[in-house]
Amino acid sequence: MNPPPPAPTADRLREIWCDILGLDQVDDDASFFDLNGKSVDAIRLINRIRGDFGLEITVRTVIEAPTVARLTQALRTAPPAPARPSLLG
């Protein structure tokens, strides 16, 4: 069994997963895809990570690190999300 992921990041990822997948709780070692996450859900997850953490990941990252524990580790080396131009200005 892997050591527990850093609490604040893992806690937020669990919240995001529960919201996207319609679950009450998520185990750190449960696969996003085994919990019925689909490709469109992975895109939603990526967008939420970009918004909440300011980090850029790909669908490949979600596929290769499909658990809260592994994705938390992957976020440690994820690059910052590029700045997006304002639509208002």
PDB file of N, CA and C in Angstrom:
ATOM      1  N   MET A   1       0.841  -1.182   0.000  1.00  0.00           N
ATOM      2  CA  MET A   1       0.000   0.000   0.000  1.00  0.00           C
ATOM      3  C   MET A   1       0.884   1.242   0.000  1.00  0.00           C
ATOM      4  N   ASN A   2       0.481   2.246  -0.757  1.00  0.00           N
ATOM      5  CA  ASN A   2       1.246   3.488  -0.866  1.00  0.00           C
ATOM      6  C   ASN A   2       1.056   4.346   0.372  1.00  0.00           C
ATOM      7  N   PRO A   3       2.063   5.188   0.692  1.00  0.00           N
ATOM      8  CA  PRO A   3       1.860   6.130   1.793  1.00  0.00           C
ATOM      9  C   PRO A   3       0.746   7.105   1.432  1.00  0.00           C
ATOM     10  N   PRO A   4       0.055   7.650   2.421  1.00  0.00           N
ATOM     11  CA  PRO A   4      -1.040   8.568   2.111  1.00  0.00           C
ATOM     12  C   PRO A   4      -0.532   9.822   1.408  1.00  0.00           C
ATOM     13  N   PRO A   5      -1.297  10.331   0.444  1.00  0.00           N
ATOM     14  CA  PRO A   5      -0.888  11.550  -0.257  1.00  0.00           C
ATOM     15  C   PRO A   5      -0.998  12.764   0.647  1.00  0.00           C
ATOM     16  N   PRO A   6      -0.317  13.860   0.281  1.00  0.00           N
ATOM     17  CA  PRO A   6      -0.414  15.087   1.069  1.00  0.00           C
ATOM     18  C   PRO A   6      -1.873  15.505   1.240  1.00  0.00           C
ATOM     19  N   ALA A   7      -2.252  15.791   2.452  1.00  0.00           N
ATOM     20  CA  ALA A   7      -3.659  15.999   2.797  1.00  0.00           C
ATOM     21  C   ALA A   7      -4.380  17.082   1.990  1.00  0.00           C
ATOM     22  N   PRO A   8      -3.904  18.327   1.925  1.00  0.00           N
ATOM     23  CA  PRO A   8      -4.708  19.346   1.238  1.00  0.00           C
ATOM     24  C   PRO A   8      -4.976  19.015  -0.228  1.00  0.00           C
ATOM     25  N   THR A   9      -3.968  18.536  -0.932  1.00  0.00           N
ATOM     26  CA  THR A   9      -4.149  18.195  -2.342  1.00  0.00           C
ATOM     27  C   THR A   9      -5.078  17.005  -2.486  1.00  0.00           C
ATOM     28  N   ALA A  10      -4.836  15.957  -1.726  1.00  0.00           N
ATOM     29  CA  ALA A  10      -5.667  14.758  -1.806  1.00  0.00           C
ATOM     30  C   ALA A  10      -7.107  15.068  -1.394  1.00  0.00           C
ATOM     31  N   ASP A  11      -7.272  15.872  -0.355  1.00  0.00           N
ATOM     32  CA  ASP A  11      -8.624  16.226   0.082  1.00  0.00           C
ATOM     33  C   ASP A  11      -9.380  16.930  -1.039  1.00  0.00           C
ATOM     34  N   ARG A  12      -8.716  17.882  -1.693  1.00  0.00           N
ATOM     35  CA  ARG A  12      -9.385  18.618  -2.771  1.00  0.00           C
ATOM     36  C   ARG A  12      -9.666  17.708  -3.958  1.00  0.00           C
ATOM     37  N   LEU A  13      -8.722  16.820  -4.300  1.00  0.00           N
ATOM     38  CA  LEU A  13      -8.971  15.887  -5.398  1.00  0.00           C
ATOM     39  C   LEU A  13     -10.159  14.984  -5.091  1.00  0.00           C
ATOM     40  N   ARG A  14     -10.254  14.497  -3.857  1.00  0.00           N
ATOM     41  CA  ARG A  14     -11.403  13.665  -3.479  1.00  0.00           C
ATOM     42  C   ARG A  14     -12.709  14.429  -3.670  1.00  0.00           C
ATOM     43  N   GLU A  15     -12.732  15.695  -3.252  1.00  0.00           N
ATOM     44  CA  GLU A  15     -13.932  16.526  -3.417  1.00  0.00           C
ATOM     45  C   GLU A  15     -14.297  16.675  -4.894  1.00  0.00           C
ATOM     46  N   ILE A  16     -13.293  16.932  -5.723  1.00  0.00           N
ATOM     47  CA  ILE A  16     -13.529  17.100  -7.162  1.00  0.00           C
ATOM     48  C   ILE A  16     -14.065  15.802  -7.754  1.00  0.00           C
ATOM     49  N   TRP A  17     -13.412  14.679  -7.399  1.00  0.00           N
ATOM     50  CA  TRP A  17     -13.869  13.386  -7.929  1.00  0.00           C
ATOM     51  C   TRP A  17     -15.308  13.110  -7.525  1.00  0.00           C
ATOM     52  N   CYS A  18     -15.628  13.333  -6.256  1.00  0.00           N
ATOM     53  CA  CYS A  18     -16.994  13.086  -5.783  1.00  0.00           C
ATOM     54  C   CYS A  18     -17.987  13.934  -6.562  1.00  0.00           C
ATOM     55  N   ASP A  19     -17.648  15.186  -6.793  1.00  0.00           N
ATOM     56  CA  ASP A  19     -18.525  16.079  -7.541  1.00  0.00           C
ATOM     57  C   ASP A  19     -18.708  15.590  -8.979  1.00  0.00           C
ATOM     58  N   ILE A  20     -17.626  15.285  -9.651  1.00  0.00           N
ATOM     59  CA  ILE A  20     -17.693  14.864 -11.048  1.00  0.00           C
ATOM     60  C   ILE A  20     -18.389  13.508 -11.198  1.00  0.00           C
ATOM     61  N   LEU A  21     -18.083  12.582 -10.299  1.00  0.00           N
ATOM     62  CA  LEU A  21     -18.595  11.214 -10.429  1.00  0.00           C
ATOM     63  C   LEU A  21     -19.896  10.979  -9.660  1.00  0.00           C
ATOM     64  N   GLY A  22     -20.368  11.984  -8.934  1.00  0.00           N
ATOM     65  CA  GLY A  22     -21.618  11.841  -8.199  1.00  0.00           C
ATOM     66  C   GLY A  22     -21.534  10.864  -7.042  1.00  0.00           C
ATOM     67  N   LEU A  23     -20.394  10.866  -6.354  1.00  0.00           N
ATOM     68  CA  LEU A  23     -20.175   9.949  -5.238  1.00  0.00           C
ATOM     69  C   LEU A  23     -20.130  10.703  -3.919  1.00  0.00           C
ATOM     70  N   ASP A  24     -20.351   9.977  -2.823  1.00  0.00           N
ATOM     71  CA  ASP A  24     -20.257  10.572  -1.492  1.00  0.00           C
ATOM     72  C   ASP A  24     -18.835  10.561  -0.963  1.00  0.00           C
ATOM     73  N   GLN A  25     -18.062   9.554  -1.356  1.00  0.00           N
ATOM     74  CA  GLN A  25     -16.662   9.455  -0.922  1.00  0.00           C
ATOM     75  C   GLN A  25     -15.874   8.649  -1.935  1.00  0.00           C
ATOM     76  N   VAL A  26     -14.558   8.846  -1.897  1.00  0.00           N
ATOM     77  CA  VAL A  26     -13.648   8.167  -2.816  1.00  0.00           C
ATOM     78  C   VAL A  26     -12.444   7.686  -2.025  1.00  0.00           C
ATOM     79  N   ASP A  27     -12.065   6.440  -2.232  1.00  0.00           N
ATOM     80  CA  ASP A  27     -10.872   5.885  -1.615  1.00  0.00           C
ATOM     81  C   ASP A  27      -9.653   6.337  -2.411  1.00  0.00           C
ATOM     82  N   ASP A  28      -8.542   6.609  -1.739  1.00  0.00           N
ATOM     83  CA  ASP A  28      -7.331   7.103  -2.396  1.00  0.00           C
ATOM     84  C   ASP A  28      -6.762   6.139  -3.426  1.00  0.00           C
ATOM     85  N   ASP A  29      -7.073   4.861  -3.312  1.00  0.00           N
ATOM     86  CA  ASP A  29      -6.526   3.870  -4.240  1.00  0.00           C
ATOM     87  C   ASP A  29      -7.549   3.357  -5.249  1.00  0.00           C
ATOM     88  N   ALA A  30      -8.725   3.969  -5.306  1.00  0.00           N
ATOM     89  CA  ALA A  30      -9.744   3.569  -6.272  1.00  0.00           C
ATOM     90  C   ALA A  30      -9.474   4.254  -7.612  1.00  0.00           C
ATOM     91  N   SER A  31      -9.569   3.489  -8.673  1.00  0.00           N
ATOM     92  CA  SER A  31      -9.330   4.024 -10.012  1.00  0.00           C
ATOM     93  C   SER A  31     -10.497   4.899 -10.467  1.00  0.00           C
ATOM     94  N   PHE A  32     -10.167   6.057 -11.002  1.00  0.00           N
ATOM     95  CA  PHE A  32     -11.162   6.980 -11.561  1.00  0.00           C
ATOM     96  C   PHE A  32     -12.054   6.254 -12.563  1.00  0.00           C
ATOM     97  N   PHE A  33     -11.460   5.410 -13.370  1.00  0.00           N
ATOM     98  CA  PHE A  33     -12.199   4.724 -14.424  1.00  0.00           C
ATOM     99  C   PHE A  33     -13.008   3.549 -13.882  1.00  0.00           C
ATOM    100  N   ASP A  34     -12.521   2.893 -12.836  1.00  0.00           N
ATOM    101  CA  ASP A  34     -13.297   1.839 -12.187  1.00  0.00           C
ATOM    102  C   ASP A  34     -14.511   2.407 -11.453  1.00  0.00           C
ATOM    103  N   LEU A  35     -14.454   3.690 -11.125  1.00  0.00           N
ATOM    104  CA  LEU A  35     -15.583   4.368 -10.480  1.00  0.00           C
ATOM    105  C   LEU A  35     -16.534   4.949 -11.525  1.00  0.00           C
ATOM    106  N   ASN A  36     -16.442   4.452 -12.748  1.00  0.00           N
ATOM    107  CA  ASN A  36     -17.283   4.841 -13.883  1.00  0.00           C
ATOM    108  C   ASN A  36     -16.946   6.200 -14.467  1.00  0.00           C
ATOM    109  N   GLY A  37     -15.712   6.677 -14.236  1.00  0.00           N
ATOM    110  CA  GLY A  37     -15.268   7.895 -14.893  1.00  0.00           C
ATOM    111  C   GLY A  37     -15.087   7.631 -16.387  1.00  0.00           C
ATOM    112  N   LYS A  38     -15.638   8.480 -17.194  1.00  0.00           N
ATOM    113  CA  LYS A  38     -15.540   8.378 -18.653  1.00  0.00           C
ATOM    114  C   LYS A  38     -14.567   9.434 -19.166  1.00  0.00           C
ATOM    115  N   SER A  39     -14.289   9.395 -20.461  1.00  0.00           N
ATOM    116  CA  SER A  39     -13.343  10.355 -21.030  1.00  0.00           C
ATOM    117  C   SER A  39     -13.814  11.792 -20.832  1.00  0.00           C
ATOM    118  N   VAL A  40     -15.097  12.043 -20.970  1.00  0.00           N
ATOM    119  CA  VAL A  40     -15.610  13.401 -20.756  1.00  0.00           C
ATOM    120  C   VAL A  40     -15.427  13.805 -19.293  1.00  0.00           C
ATOM    121  N   ASP A  41     -15.535  12.851 -18.377  1.00  0.00           N
ATOM    122  CA  ASP A  41     -15.292  13.139 -16.960  1.00  0.00           C
ATOM    123  C   ASP A  41     -13.820  13.463 -16.723  1.00  0.00           C
ATOM    124  N   ALA A  42     -12.938  12.782 -17.440  1.00  0.00           N
ATOM    125  CA  ALA A  42     -11.502  13.068 -17.317  1.00  0.00           C
ATOM    126  C   ALA A  42     -11.203  14.490 -17.776  1.00  0.00           C
ATOM    127  N   ILE A  43     -11.867  14.932 -18.826  1.00  0.00           N
ATOM    128  CA  ILE A  43     -11.695  16.314 -19.299  1.00  0.00           C
ATOM    129  C   ILE A  43     -12.196  17.287 -18.238  1.00  0.00           C
ATOM    130  N   ARG A  44     -13.322  16.985 -17.626  1.00  0.00           N
ATOM    131  CA  ARG A  44     -13.835  17.832 -16.543  1.00  0.00           C
ATOM    132  C   ARG A  44     -12.848  17.863 -15.375  1.00  0.00           C
ATOM    133  N   LEU A  45     -12.262  16.708 -15.044  1.00  0.00           N
ATOM    134  CA  LEU A  45     -11.270  16.628 -13.977  1.00  0.00           C
ATOM    135  C   LEU A  45     -10.063  17.508 -14.299  1.00  0.00           C
ATOM    136  N   ILE A  46      -9.573  17.421 -15.516  1.00  0.00           N
ATOM    137  CA  ILE A  46      -8.426  18.221 -15.950  1.00  0.00           C
ATOM    138  C   ILE A  46      -8.743  19.716 -15.831  1.00  0.00           C
ATOM    139  N   ASN A  47      -9.926  20.114 -16.253  1.00  0.00           N
ATOM    140  CA  ASN A  47     -10.316  21.521 -16.162  1.00  0.00           C
ATOM    141  C   ASN A  47     -10.432  21.989 -14.722  1.00  0.00           C
ATOM    142  N   ARG A  48     -10.942  21.126 -13.857  1.00  0.00           N
ATOM    143  CA  ARG A  48     -11.050  21.482 -12.440  1.00  0.00           C
ATOM    144  C   ARG A  48      -9.665  21.595 -11.805  1.00  0.00           C
ATOM    145  N   ILE A  49      -8.754  20.697 -12.167  1.00  0.00           N
ATOM    146  CA  ILE A  49      -7.379  20.772 -11.652  1.00  0.00           C
ATOM    147  C   ILE A  49      -6.720  22.058 -12.125  1.00  0.00           C
ATOM    148  N   ARG A  50      -6.933  22.399 -13.378  1.00  0.00           N
ATOM    149  CA  ARG A  50      -6.381  23.653 -13.908  1.00  0.00           C
ATOM    150  C   ARG A  50      -6.922  24.844 -13.128  1.00  0.00           C
ATOM    151  N   GLY A  51      -8.210  24.856 -12.865  1.00  0.00           N
ATOM    152  CA  GLY A  51      -8.817  25.974 -12.152  1.00  0.00           C
ATOM    153  C   GLY A  51      -8.475  26.012 -10.670  1.00  0.00           C
ATOM    154  N   ASP A  52      -8.485  24.854 -10.026  1.00  0.00           N
ATOM    155  CA  ASP A  52      -8.273  24.814  -8.573  1.00  0.00           C
ATOM    156  C   ASP A  52      -6.808  24.853  -8.165  1.00  0.00           C
ATOM    157  N   PHE A  53      -5.956  24.215  -8.958  1.00  0.00           N
ATOM    158  CA  PHE A  53      -4.542  24.120  -8.598  1.00  0.00           C
ATOM    159  C   PHE A  53      -3.632  24.966  -9.485  1.00  0.00           C
ATOM    160  N   GLY A  54      -4.147  25.435 -10.622  1.00  0.00           N
ATOM    161  CA  GLY A  54      -3.319  26.201 -11.544  1.00  0.00           C
ATOM    162  C   GLY A  54      -2.258  25.355 -12.222  1.00  0.00           C
ATOM    163  N   LEU A  55      -2.557  24.050 -12.394  1.00  0.00           N
ATOM    164  CA  LEU A  55      -1.603  23.119 -12.997  1.00  0.00           C
ATOM    165  C   LEU A  55      -2.170  22.536 -14.276  1.00  0.00           C
ATOM    166  N   GLU A  56      -1.287  22.181 -15.175  1.00  0.00           N
ATOM    167  CA  GLU A  56      -1.670  21.622 -16.465  1.00  0.00           C
ATOM    168  C   GLU A  56      -1.350  20.124 -16.490  1.00  0.00           C
ATOM    169  N   ILE A  57      -2.378  19.303 -16.697  1.00  0.00           N
ATOM    170  CA  ILE A  57      -2.166  17.872 -16.898  1.00  0.00           C
ATOM    171  C   ILE A  57      -2.920  17.455 -18.152  1.00  0.00           C
ATOM    172  N   THR A  58      -2.635  16.261 -18.617  1.00  0.00           N
ATOM    173  CA  THR A  58      -3.268  15.741 -19.823  1.00  0.00           C
ATOM    174  C   THR A  58      -4.125  14.527 -19.482  1.00  0.00           C
ATOM    175  N   VAL A  59      -4.900  14.093 -20.450  1.00  0.00           N
ATOM    176  CA  VAL A  59      -5.685  12.864 -20.281  1.00  0.00           C
ATOM    177  C   VAL A  59      -4.732  11.699 -20.015  1.00  0.00           C
ATOM    178  N   ARG A  60      -3.591  11.713 -20.658  1.00  0.00           N
ATOM    179  CA  ARG A  60      -2.602  10.652 -20.432  1.00  0.00           C
ATOM    180  C   ARG A  60      -2.199  10.584 -18.951  1.00  0.00           C
ATOM    181  N   THR A  61      -2.040  11.742 -18.314  1.00  0.00           N
ATOM    182  CA  THR A  61      -1.705  11.775 -16.890  1.00  0.00           C
ATOM    183  C   THR A  61      -2.799  11.094 -16.076  1.00  0.00           C
ATOM    184  N   VAL A  62      -4.053  11.378 -16.393  1.00  0.00           N
ATOM    185  CA  VAL A  62      -5.169  10.763 -15.672  1.00  0.00           C
ATOM    186  C   VAL A  62      -5.175   9.251 -15.906  1.00  0.00           C
ATOM    187  N   ILE A  63      -4.882   8.830 -17.111  1.00  0.00           N
ATOM    188  CA  ILE A  63      -4.852   7.394 -17.426  1.00  0.00           C
ATOM    189  C   ILE A  63      -3.709   6.704 -16.686  1.00  0.00           C
ATOM    190  N   GLU A  64      -2.548   7.347 -16.647  1.00  0.00           N
ATOM    191  CA  GLU A  64      -1.379   6.741 -16.011  1.00  0.00           C
ATOM    192  C   GLU A  64      -1.391   6.877 -14.491  1.00  0.00           C
ATOM    193  N   ALA A  65      -2.138   7.828 -13.977  1.00  0.00           N
ATOM    194  CA  ALA A  65      -2.233   8.047 -12.524  1.00  0.00           C
ATOM    195  C   ALA A  65      -3.717   8.149 -12.157  1.00  0.00           C
ATOM    196  N   PRO A  66      -4.457   7.029 -12.268  1.00  0.00           N
ATOM    197  CA  PRO A  66      -5.916   7.089 -12.157  1.00  0.00           C
ATOM    198  C   PRO A  66      -6.486   7.077 -10.740  1.00  0.00           C
ATOM    199  N   THR A  67      -5.629   7.149  -9.730  1.00  0.00           N
ATOM    200  CA  THR A  67      -6.129   7.161  -8.354  1.00  0.00           C
ATOM    201  C   THR A  67      -5.790   8.505  -7.707  1.00  0.00           C
ATOM    202  N   VAL A  68      -6.488   8.827  -6.633  1.00  0.00           N
ATOM    203  CA  VAL A  68      -6.184  10.070  -5.908  1.00  0.00           C
ATOM    204  C   VAL A  68      -4.729  10.053  -5.456  1.00  0.00           C
ATOM    205  N   ALA A  69      -4.283   8.918  -4.932  1.00  0.00           N
ATOM    206  CA  ALA A  69      -2.906   8.827  -4.434  1.00  0.00           C
ATOM    207  C   ALA A  69      -1.895   9.080  -5.546  1.00  0.00           C
ATOM    208  N   ARG A  70      -2.078   8.435  -6.677  1.00  0.00           N
ATOM    209  CA  ARG A  70      -1.110   8.582  -7.772  1.00  0.00           C
ATOM    210  C   ARG A  70      -1.211   9.943  -8.449  1.00  0.00           C
ATOM    211  N   LEU A  71      -2.434  10.458  -8.590  1.00  0.00           N
ATOM    212  CA  LEU A  71      -2.589  11.767  -9.224  1.00  0.00           C
ATOM    213  C   LEU A  71      -2.025  12.865  -8.335  1.00  0.00           C
ATOM    214  N   THR A  72      -2.165  12.712  -7.027  1.00  0.00           N
ATOM    215  CA  THR A  72      -1.564  13.672  -6.104  1.00  0.00           C
ATOM    216  C   THR A  72      -0.059  13.730  -6.328  1.00  0.00           C
ATOM    217  N   GLN A  73       0.553  12.573  -6.484  1.00  0.00           N
ATOM    218  CA  GLN A  73       1.999  12.522  -6.747  1.00  0.00           C
ATOM    219  C   GLN A  73       2.324  13.172  -8.094  1.00  0.00           C
ATOM    220  N   ALA A  74       1.511  12.893  -9.109  1.00  0.00           N
ATOM    221  CA  ALA A  74       1.749  13.458 -10.443  1.00  0.00           C
ATOM    222  C   ALA A  74       1.641  14.983 -10.431  1.00  0.00           C
ATOM    223  N   LEU A  75       0.758  15.514  -9.599  1.00  0.00           N
ATOM    224  CA  LEU A  75       0.596  16.971  -9.544  1.00  0.00           C
ATOM    225  C   LEU A  75       1.831  17.667  -8.995  1.00  0.00           C
ATOM    226  N   ARG A  76       2.634  16.952  -8.246  1.00  0.00           N
ATOM    227  CA  ARG A  76       3.864  17.548  -7.699  1.00  0.00           C
ATOM    228  C   ARG A  76       4.822  18.005  -8.791  1.00  0.00           C
ATOM    229  N   THR A  77       4.783  17.359  -9.949  1.00  0.00           N
ATOM    230  CA  THR A  77       5.702  17.715 -11.033  1.00  0.00           C
ATOM    231  C   THR A  77       4.975  18.300 -12.246  1.00  0.00           C
ATOM    232  N   ALA A  78       3.682  18.552 -12.109  1.00  0.00           N
ATOM    233  CA  ALA A  78       2.915  19.116 -13.229  1.00  0.00           C
ATOM    234  C   ALA A  78       3.312  20.574 -13.449  1.00  0.00           C
ATOM    235  N   PRO A  79       3.400  20.980 -14.706  1.00  0.00           N
ATOM    236  CA  PRO A  79       3.740  22.374 -14.986  1.00  0.00           C
ATOM    237  C   PRO A  79       2.551  23.290 -14.694  1.00  0.00           C
ATOM    238  N   PRO A  80       2.849  24.575 -14.496  1.00  0.00           N
ATOM    239  CA  PRO A  80       1.744  25.525 -14.291  1.00  0.00           C
ATOM    240  C   PRO A  80       0.887  25.621 -15.567  1.00  0.00           C
ATOM    241  N   ALA A  81      -0.391  25.847 -15.357  1.00  0.00           N
ATOM    242  CA  ALA A  81      -1.296  26.029 -16.492  1.00  0.00           C
ATOM    243  C   ALA A  81      -0.966  27.351 -17.162  1.00  0.00           C
ATOM    244  N   PRO A  82      -1.031  27.401 -18.488  1.00  0.00           N
ATOM    245  CA  PRO A  82      -0.762  28.668 -19.175  1.00  0.00           C
ATOM    246  C   PRO A  82      -1.832  29.703 -18.832  1.00  0.00           C
ATOM    247  N   ALA A  83      -1.425  30.936 -18.813  1.00  0.00           N
ATOM    248  CA  ALA A  83      -2.390  32.016 -18.573  1.00  0.00           C
ATOM    249  C   ALA A  83      -3.355  32.074 -19.744  1.00  0.00           C
ATOM    250  N   ARG A  84      -4.602  32.286 -19.428  1.00  0.00           N
ATOM    251  CA  ARG A  84      -5.599  32.371 -20.477  1.00  0.00           C
ATOM    252  C   ARG A  84      -5.969  33.838 -20.677  1.00  0.00           C
ATOM    253  N   PRO A  85      -6.061  34.276 -21.923  1.00  0.00           N
ATOM    254  CA  PRO A  85      -6.423  35.663 -22.161  1.00  0.00           C
ATOM    255  C   PRO A  85      -7.854  35.939 -21.686  1.00  0.00           C
ATOM    256  N   SER A  86      -8.071  37.119 -21.197  1.00  0.00           N
ATOM    257  CA  SER A  86      -9.393  37.515 -20.731  1.00  0.00           C
ATOM    258  C   SER A  86     -10.304  37.750 -21.931  1.00  0.00           C
ATOM    259  N   LEU A  87     -11.517  37.277 -21.823  1.00  0.00           N
ATOM    260  CA  LEU A  87     -12.498  37.524 -22.876  1.00  0.00           C
ATOM    261  C   LEU A  87     -13.140  38.908 -22.748  1.00  0.00           C
ATOM    262  N   LEU A  88     -12.870  39.534 -21.618  1.00  0.00           N
ATOM    263  CA  LEU A  88     -13.473  40.839 -21.365  1.00  0.00           C
ATOM    264  C   LEU A  88     -12.607  42.003 -21.822  1.00  0.00           C
ATOM    265  N   GLY A  89     -11.368  41.708 -22.127  1.00  0.00           N
ATOM    266  CA  GLY A  89     -10.549  42.831 -22.298  1.00  0.00           C
ATOM    267  C   GLY A  89      -9.745  43.116 -23.417  1.00  0.00           C
TER     268      GLY A  89
END
